[in-house]
Amino acid sequence: MECVVHLADNLSKAVGLGFLPGEEPEFDEKAMAQVGVSAAAIENIQQELEQDTVEQIRTVVTQCM
């Protein structure tokens, strides 16, 4: 479970939704291996998030503030 949280946290940083502005992702290769994802898969997930999800998340956050 810790590996999944690590990957999700770093994916959020990669798409600009990290806790701190400008925070860079640092994907741990061991965590990726434990979950069974490659760097290419992470890149694909990141691209999908950027296309489909990031704007929706920003809209929800804006409405909650």
Protein backbone atom coordinates (compact mmCIF):
# COMPACT_ATOMS: atom_id res chain seq x y z
CA MET A 1 0.00 0.00 0.00
CA GLU A 2 2.86 2.37 0.80
CA CYS A 3 4.15 2.01 -2.75
CA VAL A 4 0.78 2.95 -4.23
CA VAL A 5 0.63 6.07 -2.05
CA HIS A 6 4.18 6.98 -3.08
CA LEU A 7 3.32 6.68 -6.77
CA ALA A 8 0.05 8.61 -6.40
CA ASP A 9 1.81 11.38 -4.49
CA ASN A 10 4.48 11.71 -7.14
CA LEU A 11 1.96 11.59 -9.98
CA SER A 12 0.13 14.50 -8.36
CA LYS A 13 3.42 16.40 -8.25
CA ALA A 14 4.12 15.51 -11.89
CA VAL A 15 0.84 17.07 -13.04
CA GLY A 16 1.26 20.19 -10.92
CA LEU A 17 -1.02 19.24 -8.04
CA GLY A 18 1.63 18.67 -5.40
CA PHE A 19 1.32 20.09 -1.89
CA LEU A 20 3.98 22.73 -2.55
CA PRO A 21 4.11 24.77 -5.76
CA GLY A 22 6.87 23.61 -8.12
CA GLU A 23 7.47 20.40 -6.20
CA GLU A 24 9.25 17.89 -8.46
CA PRO A 25 8.27 14.20 -8.51
CA GLU A 26 10.79 11.62 -7.37
CA PHE A 27 9.60 8.18 -8.43
CA ASP A 28 11.28 5.37 -6.53
CA GLU A 29 12.24 2.50 -8.83
CA LYS A 30 11.71 -0.07 -6.08
CA ALA A 31 8.16 1.18 -5.47
CA MET A 32 7.48 1.09 -9.20
CA ALA A 33 8.79 -2.47 -9.40
CA GLN A 34 6.68 -3.59 -6.43
CA VAL A 35 3.54 -2.22 -8.04
CA GLY A 36 4.60 -3.53 -11.44
CA VAL A 37 4.69 -0.30 -13.42
CA SER A 38 7.38 0.96 -15.75
CA ALA A 39 8.56 4.50 -16.34
CA ALA A 40 6.65 4.41 -19.63
CA ALA A 41 3.46 3.41 -17.82
CA ILE A 42 3.93 6.26 -15.33
CA GLU A 43 4.36 8.67 -18.24
CA ASN A 44 1.16 7.37 -19.88
CA ILE A 45 -0.77 7.73 -16.63
CA GLN A 46 0.59 11.25 -16.22
CA GLN A 47 -0.51 12.21 -19.73
CA GLU A 48 -4.00 10.80 -19.15
CA LEU A 49 -4.31 12.71 -15.88
CA GLU A 50 -3.20 15.93 -17.57
CA GLN A 51 -5.75 15.47 -20.35
CA ASP A 52 -8.75 14.31 -18.37
CA THR A 53 -8.49 15.00 -14.68
CA VAL A 54 -6.33 17.95 -13.65
CA GLU A 55 -8.74 20.67 -14.78
CA GLN A 56 -11.64 18.89 -13.07
CA ILE A 57 -9.70 18.71 -9.81
CA ARG A 58 -8.78 22.39 -10.00
CA THR A 59 -12.43 23.29 -10.60
CA VAL A 60 -13.59 21.30 -7.57
CA VAL A 61 -10.87 22.80 -5.36
CA THR A 62 -11.77 26.32 -6.49
CA GLN A 63 -15.44 25.70 -5.69
CA CYS A 64 -14.55 24.47 -2.20
CA MET A 65 -12.53 27.54 -1.29
